[in-house]
Amino acid sequence: MPYDYQLVSGTLIVMIGLVGMTNAMVEKRTPIFGLVGILAGAGLLGWAWVLSDGTLTSYHLPQAVFRLIAAWK
């Protein structure tokens, strides 16, 4: 599929951004870098949604992960 890389990397970047933002708030630092990561990941997810012609659902994520693993081999 043409949107596998964007979908998987966007999801990973959003998850890492959430962890970074939460860590920054716990340590009483500015969470700007986590917010930038979340926005970048959301942009990649939006790009994947546009590439899929608006038919992207949460069920496509595991399939995309396995397709990328299969292509990496």
N, C-alpha and C. Protein backbone atom coordinates (compact mmCIF):
# COMPACT_ATOMS: atom_id res chain seq x y z
N MET A 1 0.84 -1.19 0.00
CA MET A 1 0.00 0.00 0.00
C MET A 1 0.88 1.25 0.00
N PRO A 2 0.39 2.30 -0.57
CA PRO A 2 1.22 3.49 -0.69
C PRO A 2 1.35 4.30 0.61
N TYR A 3 0.59 3.95 1.62
CA TYR A 3 0.60 4.77 2.83
C TYR A 3 1.17 4.03 4.04
N ASP A 4 1.78 2.89 3.86
CA ASP A 4 2.26 2.09 4.99
C ASP A 4 3.35 2.81 5.79
N TYR A 5 4.31 3.39 5.10
CA TYR A 5 5.41 4.06 5.80
C TYR A 5 4.89 5.26 6.61
N GLN A 6 4.00 6.03 6.03
CA GLN A 6 3.47 7.20 6.72
C GLN A 6 2.63 6.79 7.93
N LEU A 7 1.84 5.76 7.77
CA LEU A 7 0.96 5.31 8.85
C LEU A 7 1.75 4.79 10.04
N VAL A 8 2.71 3.93 9.78
CA VAL A 8 3.48 3.32 10.87
C VAL A 8 4.40 4.34 11.53
N SER A 9 5.11 5.13 10.73
CA SER A 9 6.02 6.12 11.34
C SER A 9 5.24 7.21 12.05
N GLY A 10 4.11 7.63 11.52
CA GLY A 10 3.29 8.63 12.20
C GLY A 10 2.79 8.14 13.55
N THR A 11 2.37 6.89 13.60
CA THR A 11 1.90 6.32 14.86
C THR A 11 3.03 6.24 15.88
N LEU A 12 4.21 5.80 15.45
CA LEU A 12 5.35 5.71 16.37
C LEU A 12 5.77 7.09 16.87
N ILE A 13 5.78 8.08 15.99
CA ILE A 13 6.20 9.42 16.40
C ILE A 13 5.19 10.03 17.37
N VAL A 14 3.90 9.79 17.15
CA VAL A 14 2.89 10.29 18.09
C VAL A 14 3.07 9.63 19.45
N MET A 15 3.31 8.33 19.48
CA MET A 15 3.49 7.64 20.76
C MET A 15 4.73 8.14 21.49
N ILE A 16 5.83 8.31 20.78
CA ILE A 16 7.06 8.82 21.41
C ILE A 16 6.85 10.26 21.87
N GLY A 17 6.14 11.05 21.09
CA GLY A 17 5.85 12.43 21.48
C GLY A 17 5.00 12.50 22.73
N LEU A 18 4.02 11.61 22.86
CA LEU A 18 3.19 11.57 24.07
C LEU A 18 4.02 11.22 25.30
N VAL A 19 4.91 10.25 25.14
CA VAL A 19 5.77 9.87 26.27
C VAL A 19 6.70 11.03 26.63
N GLY A 20 7.28 11.67 25.63
CA GLY A 20 8.18 12.79 25.90
C GLY A 20 7.46 13.98 26.53
N MET A 21 6.25 14.25 26.07
CA MET A 21 5.48 15.35 26.63
C MET A 21 5.08 15.06 28.08
N THR A 22 4.67 13.83 28.35
CA THR A 22 4.30 13.45 29.71
C THR A 22 5.52 13.52 30.63
N ASN A 23 6.66 13.03 30.16
CA ASN A 23 7.88 13.08 30.95
C ASN A 23 8.29 14.51 31.26
N ALA A 24 8.16 15.39 30.27
CA ALA A 24 8.53 16.79 30.49
C ALA A 24 7.61 17.44 31.51
N MET A 25 6.34 17.13 31.47
CA MET A 25 5.42 17.73 32.44
C MET A 25 5.66 17.20 33.84
N VAL A 26 6.01 15.91 33.97
CA VAL A 26 6.30 15.35 35.29
C VAL A 26 7.55 16.00 35.87
N GLU A 27 8.56 16.23 35.03
CA GLU A 27 9.80 16.84 35.51
C GLU A 27 9.75 18.36 35.52
N LYS A 28 8.58 18.93 35.26
CA LYS A 28 8.35 20.38 35.28
C LYS A 28 9.25 21.12 34.30
N ARG A 29 9.37 20.53 33.09
CA ARG A 29 10.06 21.18 31.98
C ARG A 29 9.03 21.57 30.94
N THR A 30 9.44 22.33 29.95
CA THR A 30 8.52 22.71 28.89
C THR A 30 8.28 21.52 27.96
N PRO A 31 7.03 21.21 27.65
CA PRO A 31 6.75 20.04 26.81
C PRO A 31 6.73 20.35 25.32
N ILE A 32 7.48 21.35 24.90
CA ILE A 32 7.41 21.80 23.51
C ILE A 32 7.93 20.75 22.53
N PHE A 33 8.99 20.01 22.88
CA PHE A 33 9.54 19.01 21.96
C PHE A 33 8.58 17.83 21.79
N GLY A 34 7.91 17.45 22.86
CA GLY A 34 6.89 16.40 22.75
C GLY A 34 5.72 16.85 21.91
N LEU A 35 5.35 18.12 22.05
CA LEU A 35 4.26 18.67 21.24
C LEU A 35 4.63 18.72 19.76
N VAL A 36 5.86 19.08 19.47
CA VAL A 36 6.33 19.09 18.08
C VAL A 36 6.30 17.68 17.51
N GLY A 37 6.69 16.70 18.29
CA GLY A 37 6.64 15.31 17.85
C GLY A 37 5.21 14.84 17.57
N ILE A 38 4.30 15.23 18.44
CA ILE A 38 2.90 14.86 18.24
C ILE A 38 2.35 15.50 16.98
N LEU A 39 2.68 16.75 16.76
CA LEU A 39 2.21 17.44 15.56
C LEU A 39 2.82 16.85 14.29
N ALA A 40 4.09 16.48 14.34
CA ALA A 40 4.74 15.85 13.18
C ALA A 40 4.11 14.48 12.89
N GLY A 41 3.86 13.71 13.93
CA GLY A 41 3.20 12.42 13.75
C GLY A 41 1.78 12.56 13.23
N ALA A 42 1.07 13.57 13.72
CA ALA A 42 -0.28 13.82 13.23
C ALA A 42 -0.26 14.24 11.76
N GLY A 43 0.76 14.98 11.37
CA GLY A 43 0.91 15.34 9.96
C GLY A 43 1.14 14.12 9.08
N LEU A 44 1.97 13.19 9.55
CA LEU A 44 2.20 11.96 8.80
C LEU A 44 0.93 11.11 8.73
N LEU A 45 0.17 11.07 9.82
CA LEU A 45 -1.08 10.32 9.80
C LEU A 45 -2.09 10.96 8.85
N GLY A 46 -2.11 12.29 8.82
CA GLY A 46 -2.98 12.98 7.89
C GLY A 46 -2.59 12.71 6.45
N TRP A 47 -1.29 12.68 6.19
CA TRP A 47 -0.80 12.39 4.85
C TRP A 47 -1.19 10.96 4.44
N ALA A 48 -1.09 10.02 5.38
CA ALA A 48 -1.50 8.64 5.09
C ALA A 48 -3.00 8.58 4.79
N TRP A 49 -3.79 9.36 5.51
CA TRP A 49 -5.23 9.38 5.28
C TRP A 49 -5.55 9.94 3.89
N VAL A 50 -4.82 10.97 3.49
CA VAL A 50 -5.03 11.55 2.15
C VAL A 50 -4.62 10.54 1.08
N LEU A 51 -3.51 9.84 1.27
CA LEU A 51 -3.05 8.85 0.30
C LEU A 51 -4.03 7.68 0.16
N SER A 52 -4.76 7.39 1.22
CA SER A 52 -5.71 6.27 1.17
C SER A 52 -7.08 6.71 0.69
N ASP A 53 -7.21 7.93 0.22
CA ASP A 53 -8.48 8.50 -0.27
C ASP A 53 -9.56 8.52 0.81
N GLY A 54 -9.17 8.71 2.04
CA GLY A 54 -10.12 8.84 3.14
C GLY A 54 -10.71 7.53 3.63
N THR A 55 -10.13 6.42 3.27
CA THR A 55 -10.66 5.12 3.69
C THR A 55 -9.84 4.48 4.81
N LEU A 56 -8.97 5.22 5.42
CA LEU A 56 -8.06 4.67 6.43
C LEU A 56 -8.81 4.49 7.75
N THR A 57 -8.67 3.32 8.35
CA THR A 57 -9.25 3.04 9.67
C THR A 57 -8.15 2.49 10.57
N SER A 58 -8.50 2.28 11.82
CA SER A 58 -7.52 1.75 12.76
C SER A 58 -7.16 0.30 12.45
N TYR A 59 -7.97 -0.40 11.69
CA TYR A 59 -7.69 -1.79 11.33
C TYR A 59 -6.56 -1.90 10.30
N HIS A 60 -6.22 -0.81 9.65
CA HIS A 60 -5.16 -0.85 8.65
C HIS A 60 -3.76 -0.82 9.28
N LEU A 61 -3.64 -0.38 10.52
CA LEU A 61 -2.32 -0.26 11.15
C LEU A 61 -1.61 -1.61 11.31
N PRO A 62 -2.24 -2.64 11.89
CA PRO A 62 -1.50 -3.92 12.01
C PRO A 62 -1.13 -4.51 10.66
N GLN A 63 -2.00 -4.36 9.68
CA GLN A 63 -1.70 -4.87 8.35
C GLN A 63 -0.51 -4.14 7.75
N ALA A 64 -0.44 -2.82 7.97
CA ALA A 64 0.68 -2.04 7.45
C ALA A 64 1.98 -2.44 8.12
N VAL A 65 1.93 -2.70 9.42
CA VAL A 65 3.14 -3.12 10.15
C VAL A 65 3.65 -4.44 9.58
N PHE A 66 2.76 -5.39 9.38
CA PHE A 66 3.19 -6.69 8.87
C PHE A 66 3.67 -6.60 7.43
N ARG A 67 3.07 -5.74 6.62
CA ARG A 67 3.56 -5.56 5.25
C ARG A 67 4.96 -4.96 5.25
N LEU A 68 5.22 -4.04 6.15
CA LEU A 68 6.57 -3.45 6.23
C LEU A 68 7.59 -4.46 6.72
N ILE A 69 7.20 -5.29 7.68
CA ILE A 69 8.11 -6.34 8.16
C ILE A 69 8.41 -7.31 7.03
N ALA A 70 7.38 -7.68 6.27
CA ALA A 70 7.58 -8.61 5.15
C ALA A 70 8.45 -8.00 4.07
N ALA A 71 8.31 -6.73 3.81
CA ALA A 71 9.11 -6.07 2.78
C ALA A 71 10.55 -5.88 3.24
N TRP A 72 10.77 -5.77 4.54
CA TRP A 72 12.11 -5.54 5.09
C TRP A 72 12.96 -6.80 4.98
N LYS A 73 12.33 -7.94 5.04
CA LYS A 73 13.04 -9.21 4.99
C LYS A 73 13.68 -9.35 3.64
